[in-house]
Amino acid sequence: MIILLLTLPLIAYLSMIAFQSMQLAVRNYQCQLVPYSLGVVIFYSYCVLYSFPPFQDEVFSFQAFLFIFSVWLLGFIDDRLGTSYPKGLKGHLVFAREHRKVTTGLLKAGGTIIVALLYLWSKQPMTFMQNLLAFFLLTGLPHVMNLFDTRPLRVWKVALCFTVLLFYLLPLPPLLFVVTVLAVFYISFVLEGHRKVMLGDNGATVTGAIFAVILIHHSEVSVQSGVLLFVFVMMILAEKISLSAVIERWTVLKRLDQLGVSKK
């Protein structure tokens, strides 16, 4: 974890410069060209913890690593080769049916389903209900995190809420681990809040994948069911209205949405 704390700022800076030089960037909601390198920072942080686990845990198993890496890679492919149209899962399905062409968004969704099934198959036998909840969390949370990634710090704020929930539910981890997690959050907050970088599909989906793996191994069925209800509600709102429209309608949500985002 000391390695992560010492190298994290350097990795964040180098990945931002590398993505800019390779033109791995997209225009944000303000039409500014921003590199989507923050996902590398998130995935790198997980890789260091996987290589030097602070404690023995299923979250740092080889199977979990393969699942999280696969989700990050699928997100990166969508960032690199995807287009701004179509939008939403339904839009990708309709586009594929009408044009007989698989979009990168549909590839990402199908790939996530496959790697989630493989991950569950590799684990110890669970009940049907546990497997069902785990499957929907492993596929749904990466998608929902991606839905939130339309404005700076939205995914950051949702992830912070999940982190507080997990710290409340689970035994308190070592202090150095908590400091490391806070360091990742702080660097993400500064860089994304000032619109220097963005998460992109790769960063948003890998964040959801990490939380999904933690939840299925460290939370009760009641907690998983509550999170899954949140996932389904967000998916329905995104398809029917849009999460941005919902946030704009509620003053409290709008103020929270703007919190920490630079005005420049």
C-alpha atoms as a PDB file:
ATOM      1  CA  MET A   1       0.000   0.000   0.000  1.00  0.00           C
ATOM      2  CA  ILE A   2       2.978   2.276   0.581  1.00  0.00           C
ATOM      3  CA  ILE A   3       3.929   1.608  -3.052  1.00  0.00           C
ATOM      4  CA  LEU A   4       0.477   2.720  -4.161  1.00  0.00           C
ATOM      5  CA  LEU A   5       0.563   5.895  -2.069  1.00  0.00           C
ATOM      6  CA  LEU A   6       3.985   6.843  -3.457  1.00  0.00           C
ATOM      7  CA  THR A   7       3.275   6.069  -7.119  1.00  0.00           C
ATOM      8  CA  LEU A   8      -0.379   7.077  -7.468  1.00  0.00           C
ATOM      9  CA  PRO A   9       0.200  10.799  -8.250  1.00  0.00           C
ATOM     10  CA  LEU A  10       2.876   9.894 -10.811  1.00  0.00           C
ATOM     11  CA  ILE A  11       0.639   7.312 -12.513  1.00  0.00           C
ATOM     12  CA  ALA A  12      -2.226   9.820 -12.613  1.00  0.00           C
ATOM     13  CA  TYR A  13      -0.012  12.452 -14.249  1.00  0.00           C
ATOM     14  CA  LEU A  14       1.733  10.109 -16.690  1.00  0.00           C
ATOM     15  CA  SER A  15      -1.511   8.459 -17.813  1.00  0.00           C
ATOM     16  CA  MET A  16      -3.086  11.875 -18.412  1.00  0.00           C
ATOM     17  CA  ILE A  17      -0.117  12.983 -20.551  1.00  0.00           C
ATOM     18  CA  ALA A  18      -0.034   9.640 -22.412  1.00  0.00           C
ATOM     19  CA  PHE A  19      -3.742   9.727 -23.217  1.00  0.00           C
ATOM     20  CA  GLN A  20      -3.458  13.327 -24.415  1.00  0.00           C
ATOM     21  CA  SER A  21      -0.506  12.534 -26.681  1.00  0.00           C
ATOM     22  CA  MET A  22      -2.299   9.510 -28.158  1.00  0.00           C
ATOM     23  CA  GLN A  23      -5.498  11.573 -28.600  1.00  0.00           C
ATOM     24  CA  LEU A  24      -7.430   9.231 -26.333  1.00  0.00           C
ATOM     25  CA  ALA A  25      -9.927  11.896 -25.377  1.00  0.00           C
ATOM     26  CA  VAL A  26     -13.555  12.846 -25.931  1.00  0.00           C
ATOM     27  CA  ARG A  27     -15.541  16.055 -25.663  1.00  0.00           C
ATOM     28  CA  ASN A  28     -17.373  16.470 -22.390  1.00  0.00           C
ATOM     29  CA  TYR A  29     -20.718  18.174 -21.782  1.00  0.00           C
ATOM     30  CA  GLN A  30     -18.999  21.568 -22.246  1.00  0.00           C
ATOM     31  CA  CYS A  31     -17.420  20.469 -25.553  1.00  0.00           C
ATOM     32  CA  GLN A  32     -13.947  20.438 -23.956  1.00  0.00           C
ATOM     33  CA  LEU A  33     -11.582  17.714 -25.152  1.00  0.00           C
ATOM     34  CA  VAL A  34     -10.694  15.697 -22.044  1.00  0.00           C
ATOM     35  CA  PRO A  35      -8.625  12.483 -21.807  1.00  0.00           C
ATOM     36  CA  TYR A  36     -10.416   9.508 -20.280  1.00  0.00           C
ATOM     37  CA  SER A  37      -7.368   8.329 -18.316  1.00  0.00           C
ATOM     38  CA  LEU A  38      -8.789   8.294 -14.794  1.00  0.00           C
ATOM     39  CA  GLY A  39      -9.901   4.690 -15.300  1.00  0.00           C
ATOM     40  CA  VAL A  40      -6.218   3.737 -15.511  1.00  0.00           C
ATOM     41  CA  VAL A  41      -5.686   5.256 -12.062  1.00  0.00           C
ATOM     42  CA  ILE A  42      -8.582   3.242 -10.610  1.00  0.00           C
ATOM     43  CA  PHE A  43      -7.480   0.004 -12.253  1.00  0.00           C
ATOM     44  CA  TYR A  44      -3.824   0.582 -11.323  1.00  0.00           C
ATOM     45  CA  SER A  45      -4.836   1.065  -7.686  1.00  0.00           C
ATOM     46  CA  TYR A  46      -6.686  -2.237  -7.715  1.00  0.00           C
ATOM     47  CA  CYS A  47      -3.729  -3.977  -9.416  1.00  0.00           C
ATOM     48  CA  VAL A  48      -1.318  -2.842  -6.704  1.00  0.00           C
ATOM     49  CA  LEU A  49      -3.669  -4.072  -3.978  1.00  0.00           C
ATOM     50  CA  TYR A  50      -4.084  -7.343  -5.878  1.00  0.00           C
ATOM     51  CA  SER A  51      -0.305  -7.764  -6.137  1.00  0.00           C
ATOM     52  CA  PHE A  52       0.307  -6.811  -2.496  1.00  0.00           C
ATOM     53  CA  PRO A  53      -3.001  -7.615  -0.757  1.00  0.00           C
ATOM     54  CA  PRO A  54      -3.384  -5.906   2.626  1.00  0.00           C
ATOM     55  CA  PHE A  55      -5.295  -9.011   3.808  1.00  0.00           C
ATOM     56  CA  GLN A  56      -6.463 -12.320   2.343  1.00  0.00           C
ATOM     57  CA  ASP A  57      -9.754 -11.752   0.604  1.00  0.00           C
ATOM     58  CA  GLU A  58     -11.824 -13.007  -2.350  1.00  0.00           C
ATOM     59  CA  VAL A  59     -11.785  -9.459  -3.735  1.00  0.00           C
ATOM     60  CA  PHE A  60      -8.065  -9.907  -4.429  1.00  0.00           C
ATOM     61  CA  SER A  61      -8.358 -13.409  -5.913  1.00  0.00           C
ATOM     62  CA  PHE A  62      -7.128 -14.242  -9.415  1.00  0.00           C
ATOM     63  CA  GLN A  63     -10.711 -14.791 -10.610  1.00  0.00           C
ATOM     64  CA  ALA A  64     -11.754 -11.369  -9.310  1.00  0.00           C
ATOM     65  CA  PHE A  65      -8.749  -9.799 -11.022  1.00  0.00           C
ATOM     66  CA  LEU A  66      -9.679 -11.385 -14.370  1.00  0.00           C
ATOM     67  CA  PHE A  67     -13.277 -10.188 -14.050  1.00  0.00           C
ATOM     68  CA  ILE A  68     -12.304  -6.620 -13.120  1.00  0.00           C
ATOM     69  CA  PHE A  69      -9.632  -6.468 -15.835  1.00  0.00           C
ATOM     70  CA  SER A  70     -12.111  -7.746 -18.452  1.00  0.00           C
ATOM     71  CA  VAL A  71     -14.693  -5.120 -17.505  1.00  0.00           C
ATOM     72  CA  TRP A  72     -12.050  -2.376 -17.671  1.00  0.00           C
ATOM     73  CA  LEU A  73     -10.846  -3.614 -21.088  1.00  0.00           C
ATOM     74  CA  LEU A  74     -14.384  -3.758 -22.500  1.00  0.00           C
ATOM     75  CA  GLY A  75     -14.948  -0.203 -21.280  1.00  0.00           C
ATOM     76  CA  PHE A  76     -11.690   0.968 -22.848  1.00  0.00           C
ATOM     77  CA  ILE A  77     -12.661  -0.605 -26.197  1.00  0.00           C
ATOM     78  CA  ASP A  78     -15.969   1.254 -26.042  1.00  0.00           C
ATOM     79  CA  ASP A  79     -14.137   4.499 -25.233  1.00  0.00           C
ATOM     80  CA  ARG A  80     -11.675   3.978 -28.081  1.00  0.00           C
ATOM     81  CA  LEU A  81     -13.978   2.702 -30.821  1.00  0.00           C
ATOM     82  CA  GLY A  82     -17.468   3.694 -29.717  1.00  0.00           C
ATOM     83  CA  THR A  83     -19.592   6.500 -31.105  1.00  0.00           C
ATOM     84  CA  SER A  84     -21.934   8.991 -29.465  1.00  0.00           C
ATOM     85  CA  TYR A  85     -24.913   7.263 -31.094  1.00  0.00           C
ATOM     86  CA  PRO A  86     -26.892   5.185 -30.204  1.00  0.00           C
ATOM     87  CA  LYS A  87     -27.558   5.897 -26.535  1.00  0.00           C
ATOM     88  CA  GLY A  88     -28.695   3.514 -23.822  1.00  0.00           C
ATOM     89  CA  LEU A  89     -28.986  -0.258 -23.797  1.00  0.00           C
ATOM     90  CA  LYS A  90     -32.286  -0.161 -25.640  1.00  0.00           C
ATOM     91  CA  GLY A  91     -30.792   2.126 -28.291  1.00  0.00           C
ATOM     92  CA  HIS A  92     -27.910  -0.292 -28.913  1.00  0.00           C
ATOM     93  CA  LEU A  93     -30.295  -3.238 -29.211  1.00  0.00           C
ATOM     94  CA  VAL A  94     -32.556  -1.392 -31.671  1.00  0.00           C
ATOM     95  CA  PHE A  95     -29.547  -0.230 -33.706  1.00  0.00           C
ATOM     96  CA  ALA A  96     -28.160  -3.777 -33.884  1.00  0.00           C
ATOM     97  CA  ARG A  97     -31.527  -5.161 -35.013  1.00  0.00           C
ATOM     98  CA  GLU A  98     -32.118  -2.508 -37.660  1.00  0.00           C
ATOM     99  CA  HIS A  99     -28.582  -2.286 -39.051  1.00  0.00           C
ATOM    100  CA  ARG A 100     -27.392  -5.846 -38.407  1.00  0.00           C
ATOM    101  CA  LYS A 101     -24.293  -4.397 -36.740  1.00  0.00           C
ATOM    102  CA  VAL A 102     -22.945  -4.996 -33.244  1.00  0.00           C
ATOM    103  CA  THR A 103     -21.950  -1.729 -31.583  1.00  0.00           C
ATOM    104  CA  THR A 104     -19.111  -1.485 -29.081  1.00  0.00           C
ATOM    105  CA  GLY A 105     -21.722  -0.684 -26.438  1.00  0.00           C
ATOM    106  CA  LEU A 106     -23.501  -3.958 -27.150  1.00  0.00           C
ATOM    107  CA  LEU A 107     -20.159  -5.761 -27.188  1.00  0.00           C
ATOM    108  CA  LYS A 108     -19.426  -4.291 -23.766  1.00  0.00           C
ATOM    109  CA  ALA A 109     -22.799  -5.418 -22.406  1.00  0.00           C
ATOM    110  CA  GLY A 110     -22.513  -8.920 -23.857  1.00  0.00           C
ATOM    111  CA  GLY A 111     -18.897  -9.264 -22.772  1.00  0.00           C
ATOM    112  CA  THR A 112     -19.761  -8.213 -19.223  1.00  0.00           C
ATOM    113  CA  ILE A 113     -22.490 -10.861 -19.067  1.00  0.00           C
ATOM    114  CA  ILE A 114     -20.052 -13.558 -20.240  1.00  0.00           C
ATOM    115  CA  VAL A 115     -17.252 -12.651 -17.816  1.00  0.00           C
ATOM    116  CA  ALA A 116     -19.768 -12.348 -14.952  1.00  0.00           C
ATOM    117  CA  LEU A 117     -21.045 -15.874 -15.660  1.00  0.00           C
ATOM    118  CA  LEU A 118     -17.480 -17.197 -15.855  1.00  0.00           C
ATOM    119  CA  TYR A 119     -16.627 -15.505 -12.564  1.00  0.00           C
ATOM    120  CA  LEU A 120     -19.632 -17.033 -10.803  1.00  0.00           C
ATOM    121  CA  TRP A 121     -18.843 -20.438 -12.313  1.00  0.00           C
ATOM    122  CA  SER A 122     -15.317 -20.247 -10.864  1.00  0.00           C
ATOM    123  CA  LYS A 123     -16.531 -19.556  -7.326  1.00  0.00           C
ATOM    124  CA  GLN A 124     -17.695 -21.966  -4.649  1.00  0.00           C
ATOM    125  CA  PRO A 125     -21.283 -23.253  -5.106  1.00  0.00           C
ATOM    126  CA  MET A 126     -23.919 -20.800  -3.909  1.00  0.00           C
ATOM    127  CA  THR A 127     -27.691 -20.973  -3.710  1.00  0.00           C
ATOM    128  CA  PHE A 128     -29.766 -20.036  -6.736  1.00  0.00           C
ATOM    129  CA  MET A 129     -30.822 -16.746  -5.126  1.00  0.00           C
ATOM    130  CA  GLN A 130     -27.245 -15.833  -4.228  1.00  0.00           C
ATOM    131  CA  ASN A 131     -26.082 -16.568  -7.765  1.00  0.00           C
ATOM    132  CA  LEU A 132     -28.944 -14.542  -9.240  1.00  0.00           C
ATOM    133  CA  LEU A 133     -28.262 -11.526  -7.027  1.00  0.00           C
ATOM    134  CA  ALA A 134     -24.531 -11.768  -7.722  1.00  0.00           C
ATOM    135  CA  PHE A 135     -25.071 -11.959 -11.485  1.00  0.00           C
ATOM    136  CA  PHE A 136     -27.274  -8.880 -11.599  1.00  0.00           C
ATOM    137  CA  LEU A 137     -24.849  -6.935  -9.395  1.00  0.00           C
ATOM    138  CA  LEU A 138     -21.823  -7.947 -11.470  1.00  0.00           C
ATOM    139  CA  THR A 139     -23.542  -6.848 -14.678  1.00  0.00           C
ATOM    140  CA  GLY A 140     -25.759  -4.048 -13.376  1.00  0.00           C
ATOM    141  CA  LEU A 141     -23.406  -1.986 -11.206  1.00  0.00           C
ATOM    142  CA  PRO A 142     -20.821  -1.384 -13.965  1.00  0.00           C
ATOM    143  CA  HIS A 143     -23.648  -0.295 -16.271  1.00  0.00           C
ATOM    144  CA  VAL A 144     -25.221   2.057 -13.719  1.00  0.00           C
ATOM    145  CA  MET A 145     -21.889   3.656 -12.851  1.00  0.00           C
ATOM    146  CA  ASN A 146     -21.452   4.275 -16.558  1.00  0.00           C
ATOM    147  CA  LEU A 147     -24.881   5.927 -16.679  1.00  0.00           C
ATOM    148  CA  PHE A 148     -23.791   8.374 -13.982  1.00  0.00           C
ATOM    149  CA  ASP A 149     -20.634   9.297 -15.879  1.00  0.00           C
ATOM    150  CA  THR A 150     -22.141  12.205 -17.811  1.00  0.00           C
ATOM    151  CA  ARG A 151     -20.982  14.989 -15.492  1.00  0.00           C
ATOM    152  CA  PRO A 152     -17.815  15.451 -13.400  1.00  0.00           C
ATOM    153  CA  LEU A 153     -17.731  13.748  -9.994  1.00  0.00           C
ATOM    154  CA  ARG A 154     -21.090  11.956 -10.273  1.00  0.00           C
ATOM    155  CA  VAL A 155     -19.513   8.515 -10.206  1.00  0.00           C
ATOM    156  CA  TRP A 156     -17.109   9.760  -7.516  1.00  0.00           C
ATOM    157  CA  LYS A 157     -20.030  10.754  -5.265  1.00  0.00           C
ATOM    158  CA  VAL A 158     -21.936   7.493  -5.797  1.00  0.00           C
ATOM    159  CA  ALA A 159     -18.725   5.538  -5.138  1.00  0.00           C
ATOM    160  CA  LEU A 160     -18.138   7.534  -1.950  1.00  0.00           C
ATOM    161  CA  CYS A 161     -21.635   6.622  -0.718  1.00  0.00           C
ATOM    162  CA  PHE A 162     -20.953   2.935  -1.406  1.00  0.00           C
ATOM    163  CA  THR A 163     -17.601   3.181   0.391  1.00  0.00           C
ATOM    164  CA  VAL A 164     -19.180   4.733   3.493  1.00  0.00           C
ATOM    165  CA  LEU A 165     -21.831   1.980   3.446  1.00  0.00           C
ATOM    166  CA  LEU A 166     -19.182  -0.743   3.225  1.00  0.00           C
ATOM    167  CA  PHE A 167     -17.053   0.793   5.986  1.00  0.00           C
ATOM    168  CA  TYR A 168     -20.200   0.835   8.159  1.00  0.00           C
ATOM    169  CA  LEU A 169     -21.171  -2.776   7.385  1.00  0.00           C
ATOM    170  CA  LEU A 170     -17.741  -4.413   7.440  1.00  0.00           C
ATOM    171  CA  PRO A 171     -15.111  -4.698  10.167  1.00  0.00           C
ATOM    172  CA  LEU A 172     -12.838  -1.676  10.126  1.00  0.00           C
ATOM    173  CA  PRO A 173      -9.892  -2.381   7.775  1.00  0.00           C
ATOM    174  CA  PRO A 174      -6.268  -1.420   8.589  1.00  0.00           C
ATOM    175  CA  LEU A 175      -5.640   2.319   8.848  1.00  0.00           C
ATOM    176  CA  LEU A 176      -3.156   2.273   5.960  1.00  0.00           C
ATOM    177  CA  PHE A 177      -5.797   0.699   3.714  1.00  0.00           C
ATOM    178  CA  VAL A 178      -8.294   3.430   4.620  1.00  0.00           C
ATOM    179  CA  VAL A 179      -5.657   6.107   3.900  1.00  0.00           C
ATOM    180  CA  THR A 180      -4.938   4.481   0.535  1.00  0.00           C
ATOM    181  CA  VAL A 181      -8.612   4.483  -0.430  1.00  0.00           C
ATOM    182  CA  LEU A 182      -8.912   8.129   0.598  1.00  0.00           C
ATOM    183  CA  ALA A 183      -5.847   8.979  -1.517  1.00  0.00           C
ATOM    184  CA  VAL A 184      -7.475   7.428  -4.593  1.00  0.00           C
ATOM    185  CA  PHE A 185     -10.655   9.387  -3.919  1.00  0.00           C
ATOM    186  CA  TYR A 186      -8.734  12.632  -3.382  1.00  0.00           C
ATOM    187  CA  ILE A 187      -6.743  12.398  -6.620  1.00  0.00           C
ATOM    188  CA  SER A 188      -9.899  11.506  -8.546  1.00  0.00           C
ATOM    189  CA  PHE A 189     -11.763  14.398  -6.912  1.00  0.00           C
ATOM    190  CA  VAL A 190      -9.108  16.964  -7.828  1.00  0.00           C
ATOM    191  CA  LEU A 191      -8.476  15.838 -11.407  1.00  0.00           C
ATOM    192  CA  GLU A 192     -12.084  15.223 -12.386  1.00  0.00           C
ATOM    193  CA  GLY A 193     -13.458  18.155 -10.414  1.00  0.00           C
ATOM    194  CA  HIS A 194     -11.174  20.498 -12.374  1.00  0.00           C
ATOM    195  CA  ARG A 195     -12.055  18.670 -15.622  1.00  0.00           C
ATOM    196  CA  LYS A 196      -8.434  17.710 -16.312  1.00  0.00           C
ATOM    197  CA  VAL A 197      -9.406  14.083 -16.926  1.00  0.00           C
ATOM    198  CA  MET A 198     -12.534  11.965 -16.945  1.00  0.00           C
ATOM    199  CA  LEU A 199     -13.336   8.395 -16.025  1.00  0.00           C
ATOM    200  CA  GLY A 200     -14.718   7.388 -19.382  1.00  0.00           C
ATOM    201  CA  ASP A 201     -16.501   4.072 -19.837  1.00  0.00           C
ATOM    202  CA  ASN A 202     -13.368   2.219 -18.705  1.00  0.00           C
ATOM    203  CA  GLY A 203     -13.187   4.050 -15.379  1.00  0.00           C
ATOM    204  CA  ALA A 204     -16.893   4.082 -14.592  1.00  0.00           C
ATOM    205  CA  THR A 205     -17.450   0.404 -15.386  1.00  0.00           C
ATOM    206  CA  VAL A 206     -14.365  -0.819 -13.518  1.00  0.00           C
ATOM    207  CA  THR A 207     -15.484   1.174 -10.469  1.00  0.00           C
ATOM    208  CA  GLY A 208     -18.845  -0.584 -10.613  1.00  0.00           C
ATOM    209  CA  ALA A 209     -17.152  -3.952 -11.088  1.00  0.00           C
ATOM    210  CA  ILE A 210     -14.969  -3.503  -8.002  1.00  0.00           C
ATOM    211  CA  PHE A 211     -17.937  -2.559  -5.819  1.00  0.00           C
ATOM    212  CA  ALA A 212     -19.980  -5.466  -7.206  1.00  0.00           C
ATOM    213  CA  VAL A 213     -17.275  -7.982  -6.269  1.00  0.00           C
ATOM    214  CA  ILE A 214     -16.996  -6.492  -2.771  1.00  0.00           C
ATOM    215  CA  LEU A 215     -20.758  -6.568  -2.250  1.00  0.00           C
ATOM    216  CA  ILE A 216     -21.318 -10.187  -3.307  1.00  0.00           C
ATOM    217  CA  HIS A 217     -18.597 -11.397  -0.931  1.00  0.00           C
ATOM    218  CA  HIS A 218     -19.067  -9.061   2.023  1.00  0.00           C
ATOM    219  CA  SER A 219     -22.719  -8.133   2.368  1.00  0.00           C
ATOM    220  CA  GLU A 220     -25.941  -9.840   3.362  1.00  0.00           C
ATOM    221  CA  VAL A 221     -28.670 -10.754   0.898  1.00  0.00           C
ATOM    222  CA  SER A 222     -30.780  -7.860   2.220  1.00  0.00           C
ATOM    223  CA  VAL A 223     -28.021  -5.338   1.406  1.00  0.00           C
ATOM    224  CA  GLN A 224     -27.439  -6.853  -2.026  1.00  0.00           C
ATOM    225  CA  SER A 225     -31.182  -6.715  -2.722  1.00  0.00           C
ATOM    226  CA  GLY A 226     -31.289  -3.051  -1.723  1.00  0.00           C
ATOM    227  CA  VAL A 227     -28.373  -2.194  -3.999  1.00  0.00           C
ATOM    228  CA  LEU A 228     -29.951  -4.192  -6.818  1.00  0.00           C
ATOM    229  CA  LEU A 229     -33.196  -2.235  -6.387  1.00  0.00           C
ATOM    230  CA  PHE A 230     -31.153   0.975  -6.710  1.00  0.00           C
ATOM    231  CA  VAL A 231     -29.546  -0.432  -9.877  1.00  0.00           C
ATOM    232  CA  PHE A 232     -32.892  -1.276 -11.487  1.00  0.00           C
ATOM    233  CA  VAL A 233     -34.430   2.096 -10.594  1.00  0.00           C
ATOM    234  CA  MET A 234     -31.448   3.970 -12.067  1.00  0.00           C
ATOM    235  CA  MET A 235     -31.589   1.876 -15.248  1.00  0.00           C
ATOM    236  CA  ILE A 236     -35.310   2.555 -15.693  1.00  0.00           C
ATOM    237  CA  LEU A 237     -34.879   6.299 -15.062  1.00  0.00           C
ATOM    238  CA  ALA A 238     -31.994   6.452 -17.537  1.00  0.00           C
ATOM    239  CA  GLU A 239     -34.001   4.716 -20.257  1.00  0.00           C
ATOM    240  CA  LYS A 240     -37.271   6.587 -19.683  1.00  0.00           C
ATOM    241  CA  ILE A 241     -36.105  10.101 -18.747  1.00  0.00           C
ATOM    242  CA  SER A 242     -32.325  10.423 -18.141  1.00  0.00           C
ATOM    243  CA  LEU A 243     -30.502  10.779 -14.861  1.00  0.00           C
ATOM    244  CA  SER A 244     -29.429  14.329 -15.713  1.00  0.00           C
ATOM    245  CA  ALA A 245     -33.063  15.369 -16.158  1.00  0.00           C
ATOM    246  CA  VAL A 246     -33.973  13.895 -12.769  1.00  0.00           C
ATOM    247  CA  ILE A 247     -31.063  15.660 -11.047  1.00  0.00           C
ATOM    248  CA  GLU A 248     -31.943  18.993 -12.653  1.00  0.00           C
ATOM    249  CA  ARG A 249     -35.525  18.767 -11.351  1.00  0.00           C
ATOM    250  CA  TRP A 250     -34.513  18.440  -7.690  1.00  0.00           C
ATOM    251  CA  THR A 251     -32.737  21.406  -6.107  1.00  0.00           C
ATOM    252  CA  VAL A 252     -30.933  19.302  -3.483  1.00  0.00           C
ATOM    253  CA  LEU A 253     -29.675  16.827  -6.085  1.00  0.00           C
ATOM    254  CA  LYS A 254     -28.643  19.687  -8.375  1.00  0.00           C
ATOM    255  CA  ARG A 255     -26.589  21.334  -5.635  1.00  0.00           C
ATOM    256  CA  LEU A 256     -24.951  18.042  -4.691  1.00  0.00           C
ATOM    257  CA  ASP A 257     -24.216  17.455  -8.368  1.00  0.00           C
ATOM    258  CA  GLN A 258     -22.381  20.790  -8.630  1.00  0.00           C
ATOM    259  CA  LEU A 259     -20.485  20.320  -5.354  1.00  0.00           C
ATOM    260  CA  GLY A 260     -16.739  20.165  -5.933  1.00  0.00           C
ATOM    261  CA  VAL A 261     -16.908  20.893  -9.670  1.00  0.00           C
ATOM    262  CA  SER A 262     -14.729  23.817 -10.757  1.00  0.00           C
ATOM    263  CA  LYS A 263     -16.635  26.706 -12.343  1.00  0.00           C
ATOM    264  CA  LYS A 264     -13.831  27.393 -14.831  1.00  0.00           C
END
